[in-house]
Protein backbone atom coordinates (compact mmCIF):
# COMPACT_ATOMS: atom_id res chain seq x y z
CA MET A 1 46.64 -94.71 -57.14
CA ILE A 2 43.10 -95.10 -55.79
CA VAL A 3 41.51 -98.42 -56.68
CA ASN A 4 38.09 -97.48 -55.34
CA ARG A 5 36.32 -95.60 -52.60
CA ARG A 6 35.03 -98.45 -50.46
CA ASN A 7 32.74 -96.24 -48.37
CA ARG A 8 32.63 -92.75 -46.90
CA PHE A 9 35.59 -93.42 -44.64
CA VAL A 10 37.89 -95.77 -46.57
CA MET A 11 39.66 -95.70 -49.93
CA ASP A 12 41.56 -98.69 -51.29
CA VAL A 13 44.89 -97.50 -52.70
CA LEU A 14 47.47 -99.36 -54.75
CA LEU A 15 50.76 -98.86 -52.91
CA GLY A 16 53.53 -100.58 -54.86
CA ASP A 17 52.12 -104.03 -55.59
CA THR A 18 49.74 -104.05 -52.62
CA VAL A 19 46.27 -102.62 -52.15
CA VAL A 20 46.01 -100.94 -48.74
CA ALA A 21 43.07 -99.44 -46.92
CA CYS A 22 43.44 -95.69 -46.40
CA HIS A 23 41.40 -93.30 -44.32
CA CYS A 24 39.33 -90.89 -46.43
CA PRO A 25 39.26 -87.56 -44.55
CA VAL A 26 36.12 -86.38 -46.39
CA THR A 27 32.85 -88.09 -45.51
CA GLY A 28 30.86 -86.34 -48.24
CA ARG A 29 31.23 -86.17 -52.01
CA ILE A 30 34.46 -85.05 -53.63
CA GLY A 31 33.64 -83.52 -56.98
CA ASP A 32 31.05 -86.20 -57.79
CA LEU A 33 33.91 -88.40 -59.02
CA VAL A 34 34.30 -92.11 -59.45
CA PHE A 35 37.77 -92.65 -58.00
CA ASP A 36 38.96 -95.75 -59.86
CA GLY A 37 42.47 -94.98 -61.18
CA VAL A 38 42.87 -91.52 -59.64
CA PRO A 39 46.47 -90.69 -58.57
CA CYS A 40 46.82 -89.73 -54.91
CA LEU A 41 49.23 -88.71 -52.17
CA ILE A 42 49.02 -90.50 -48.84
CA SER A 43 50.43 -89.96 -45.36
CA THR A 44 51.16 -92.42 -42.56
CA THR A 45 50.53 -92.34 -38.84
CA ASN A 46 51.64 -94.37 -35.83
CA ASP A 47 48.49 -93.56 -33.88
CA SER A 48 47.35 -96.83 -32.31
CA ARG A 49 43.79 -95.53 -32.10
CA ARG A 50 43.51 -95.42 -35.87
CA ASN A 51 41.99 -98.32 -37.80
CA THR A 52 44.18 -97.54 -40.82
CA THR A 53 47.84 -96.56 -41.02
CA PHE A 54 47.39 -94.43 -44.13
CA THR A 55 45.38 -91.31 -45.02
CA VAL A 56 44.64 -90.01 -48.51
CA GLU A 57 45.82 -86.39 -48.46
CA ALA A 58 45.44 -85.27 -52.08
CA ILE A 59 44.25 -86.40 -55.49
CA SER A 60 45.01 -85.35 -59.07
CA ILE A 61 42.36 -85.30 -61.81
CA ASP A 62 43.68 -82.85 -64.39
CA ALA A 63 46.15 -83.07 -67.22
CA ASP A 64 48.71 -80.92 -65.39
CA GLU A 65 48.61 -83.28 -62.41
CA GLN A 66 47.79 -80.48 -60.00
CA TRP A 67 47.41 -81.96 -56.54
CA ILE A 68 44.11 -81.17 -54.84
CA GLY A 69 44.28 -81.44 -51.08
CA ILE A 70 41.21 -83.18 -49.67
CA HIS A 71 42.11 -83.23 -45.96
CA GLN A 72 39.98 -80.43 -44.57
CA GLY A 73 41.65 -80.69 -41.18
CA ARG A 74 44.92 -79.73 -42.85
CA ALA A 75 43.26 -76.55 -44.09
CA ASN A 76 42.44 -75.48 -40.52
CA ASP A 77 45.93 -76.35 -39.31
CA PHE A 78 47.46 -74.36 -42.15
CA VAL A 79 45.26 -71.36 -41.37
CA ALA A 80 46.43 -71.55 -37.75
CA TYR A 81 50.04 -71.59 -38.95
CA CYS A 82 49.44 -68.57 -41.20
CA LEU A 83 47.85 -66.67 -38.33
CA ASP A 84 50.77 -67.45 -36.05
CA THR A 85 53.29 -66.29 -38.65
CA GLY A 86 51.39 -63.19 -39.82
CA ALA A 87 50.98 -64.65 -43.32
CA LEU A 88 47.19 -64.29 -43.57
CA PRO A 89 46.15 -60.87 -44.96
CA VAL A 90 42.72 -61.05 -43.37
CA PHE A 91 44.43 -60.83 -39.95
CA PRO A 92 47.97 -59.60 -40.73
CA TYR A 93 48.80 -58.55 -37.17
CA SER A 94 46.96 -61.10 -35.04
CA LYS A 95 48.06 -61.26 -31.42
CA HIS A 96 45.65 -63.63 -29.75
CA VAL A 97 44.36 -66.70 -31.61
CA GLU A 98 41.95 -69.25 -30.13
CA ARG A 99 40.65 -72.34 -31.88
CA GLU A 100 37.39 -74.32 -31.64
CA GLN A 101 35.21 -71.70 -30.01
CA VAL A 102 31.89 -73.00 -28.66
CA ILE A 103 29.01 -70.60 -29.31
CA GLY A 104 25.70 -71.92 -28.01
CA THR A 105 25.18 -75.36 -29.55
CA SER A 106 27.60 -74.72 -32.40
CA ARG A 107 31.34 -74.25 -32.78
CA LEU A 108 33.42 -71.80 -34.79
CA ASP A 109 36.96 -72.52 -35.95
CA PHE A 110 38.81 -69.42 -34.75
CA LYS A 111 38.59 -66.34 -32.58
CA VAL A 112 41.27 -63.84 -33.61
CA ASP A 113 41.70 -60.77 -31.42
CA GLY A 114 38.03 -60.95 -30.51
CA VAL A 115 36.78 -61.57 -34.07
CA TYR A 116 35.26 -64.92 -35.01
CA MET A 117 36.26 -66.74 -38.19
CA GLU A 118 34.83 -69.89 -39.75
CA VAL A 119 36.96 -71.86 -42.22
CA LYS A 120 35.45 -73.94 -45.01
CA ALA A 121 37.26 -76.06 -47.60
CA PRO A 122 34.62 -76.85 -50.30
CA LEU A 123 35.08 -80.18 -52.07
CA THR A 124 31.65 -81.10 -53.43
CA GLU A 125 32.71 -79.34 -56.63
CA LEU A 126 36.25 -79.35 -58.01
CA PHE A 127 37.08 -76.40 -60.22
CA VAL A 128 39.47 -78.14 -62.59
CA THR A 129 38.86 -79.98 -65.86
CA PRO A 130 38.96 -83.74 -65.28
CA LEU A 131 40.58 -86.05 -67.75
CA PRO A 132 38.14 -88.14 -69.86
CA ARG A 133 39.05 -91.35 -68.06
CA PHE A 134 37.59 -90.03 -64.81
CA GLU A 135 33.84 -90.47 -64.82
CA ARG A 136 31.43 -88.36 -62.82
CA ARG A 137 28.71 -89.83 -60.68
CA ALA A 138 25.19 -88.70 -61.43
CA VAL A 139 24.04 -86.21 -58.80
CA THR A 140 20.66 -87.35 -57.55
CA ARG A 141 20.18 -84.99 -54.61
CA PRO A 142 21.30 -81.49 -53.54
CA VAL A 143 24.58 -81.02 -51.72
CA GLU A 144 24.06 -81.29 -47.96
CA THR A 145 24.91 -77.88 -46.54
CA GLU A 146 22.96 -77.75 -43.28
CA ARG A 147 26.18 -77.82 -41.25
CA LEU A 148 27.56 -74.83 -43.14
CA ILE A 149 24.27 -72.96 -42.72
CA ARG A 150 24.29 -73.64 -38.97
CA HIS A 151 27.88 -72.40 -38.63
CA LEU A 152 27.17 -69.39 -40.81
CA GLU A 153 24.14 -68.43 -38.71
CA THR A 154 26.28 -68.77 -35.58
CA LEU A 155 29.00 -66.62 -37.13
CA ILE A 156 26.48 -63.94 -38.13
CA ALA A 157 25.02 -63.96 -34.62
CA THR A 158 28.35 -62.70 -33.26
CA LEU A 159 28.19 -59.51 -35.34
CA PRO A 160 26.09 -57.36 -32.96
CA GLU A 161 28.87 -57.70 -30.39
CA THR A 162 32.03 -57.83 -32.52
CA LYS A 163 30.98 -55.74 -35.59
CA ARG A 164 33.20 -57.96 -37.74
CA ALA A 165 33.25 -61.67 -38.65
CA VAL A 166 35.04 -63.65 -41.34
CA LEU A 167 34.06 -66.62 -43.49
CA LEU A 168 37.28 -67.95 -45.03
CA TYR A 169 37.07 -70.37 -47.96
CA VAL A 170 40.28 -72.41 -48.26
CA PHE A 171 41.23 -74.36 -51.38
CA LEU A 172 44.21 -76.69 -51.23
CA TYR A 173 44.69 -76.04 -54.95
CA ASP A 174 44.44 -72.97 -57.20
CA ALA A 175 40.70 -72.42 -57.64
CA PRO A 176 38.81 -69.53 -59.26
CA VAL A 177 36.80 -67.15 -57.09
CA PHE A 178 34.23 -69.25 -55.24
CA THR A 179 30.68 -67.99 -54.80
CA GLY A 180 28.79 -71.27 -54.47
CA ASN A 181 26.43 -72.72 -57.02
CA PRO A 182 23.42 -70.42 -57.62
CA ASN A 183 21.52 -73.30 -59.25
CA ARG A 184 21.39 -75.23 -55.98
CA LYS A 185 18.64 -74.26 -53.60
CA GLN A 186 20.76 -74.59 -50.47
CA ASP A 187 23.62 -72.55 -51.96
CA ALA A 188 21.13 -69.81 -52.81
CA ARG A 189 20.10 -69.76 -49.15
CA ILE A 190 23.74 -69.43 -48.10
CA ARG A 191 24.28 -66.55 -50.51
CA GLN A 192 21.24 -64.76 -49.13
CA LEU A 193 22.45 -65.19 -45.54
CA ILE A 194 25.83 -63.79 -46.55
CA ARG A 195 24.33 -60.92 -48.55
CA ASP A 196 22.11 -59.85 -45.65
CA ALA A 197 25.02 -59.95 -43.16
CA ILE A 198 27.62 -58.05 -45.20
CA ALA A 199 26.18 -54.70 -44.16
CA ASP A 200 26.64 -55.71 -40.51
CA GLY A 201 30.32 -56.55 -40.95
CA LEU A 202 30.57 -60.05 -42.41
CA GLU A 203 33.60 -60.47 -44.69
CA ILE A 204 34.25 -63.28 -47.16
CA TRP A 205 37.84 -64.22 -47.97
CA GLN A 206 39.43 -66.92 -50.12
CA LEU A 207 42.81 -68.56 -49.60
CA ASN A 208 44.25 -70.65 -52.43
CA CYS A 209 47.21 -72.94 -51.81
CA ARG A 210 49.47 -75.34 -53.63
CA PHE A 211 49.54 -78.86 -52.22
CA THR A 212 52.78 -80.82 -52.71
CA ALA A 213 54.36 -83.93 -51.28
CA GLU A 214 56.51 -81.60 -49.17
CA GLY A 215 53.68 -79.55 -47.74
CA ILE A 216 51.23 -76.70 -48.35
CA VAL A 217 52.31 -73.42 -49.95
CA PRO A 218 50.07 -70.31 -49.95
CA LEU A 219 49.40 -68.90 -53.42
CA HIS A 220 47.14 -65.93 -52.79
CA CYS A 221 44.56 -64.71 -50.30
CA ALA A 222 42.03 -62.01 -51.11
CA GLU A 223 38.74 -60.64 -49.89
CA THR A 224 35.83 -61.77 -52.08
CA THR A 225 32.96 -60.07 -50.26
CA SER A 226 32.04 -57.99 -53.29
CA HIS A 227 31.31 -61.16 -55.29
CA PHE A 228 28.44 -62.01 -52.92
CA LYS A 229 26.66 -58.65 -53.02
């Protein structure tokens, strides 16, 4: 159980009778939540370069105790696994997969058979109903999305050459169709960028997964491009 989020990088977690410092893999907001008393799953590492032995992998904030994976690096690793095993419908027959592709001053997550794909695991909003005991922090400023905009612009810039590019939203829980928040100025800008690029070959896909103590299980993956038009 999380005792508190000490800062952007560390959560204090009650493990048995001891409070231990755990790495928080998300530097930004996670659903605008105050984390006191939130159940969590943690992992351990023997990496001597790490300041903490533990990492918070998932949290639960709903009555059904659905685990919500918050380790965005796990999302990329799982996508790589799905590509290697032919389990990702967006590229069902991929033959050549490359990761971390440098394009100009930016970097895209994957290049699959010559097509670039950027993976995003949104966490600033959580699409589940929190229990009453979990308070929400007051949002005093817009969600910072400049990094996403930069990557999206880089992804779109590959279209004249490749004629196809993919933005894949990954949720390590079962989320509804994600289209951003139209009430936020930055999200509106993202939607406009996407809308303008769809005609040139940009596709939007969403992969939902179930996060368990044993691992990640894919639930469903579908193209959601039409929701952005």
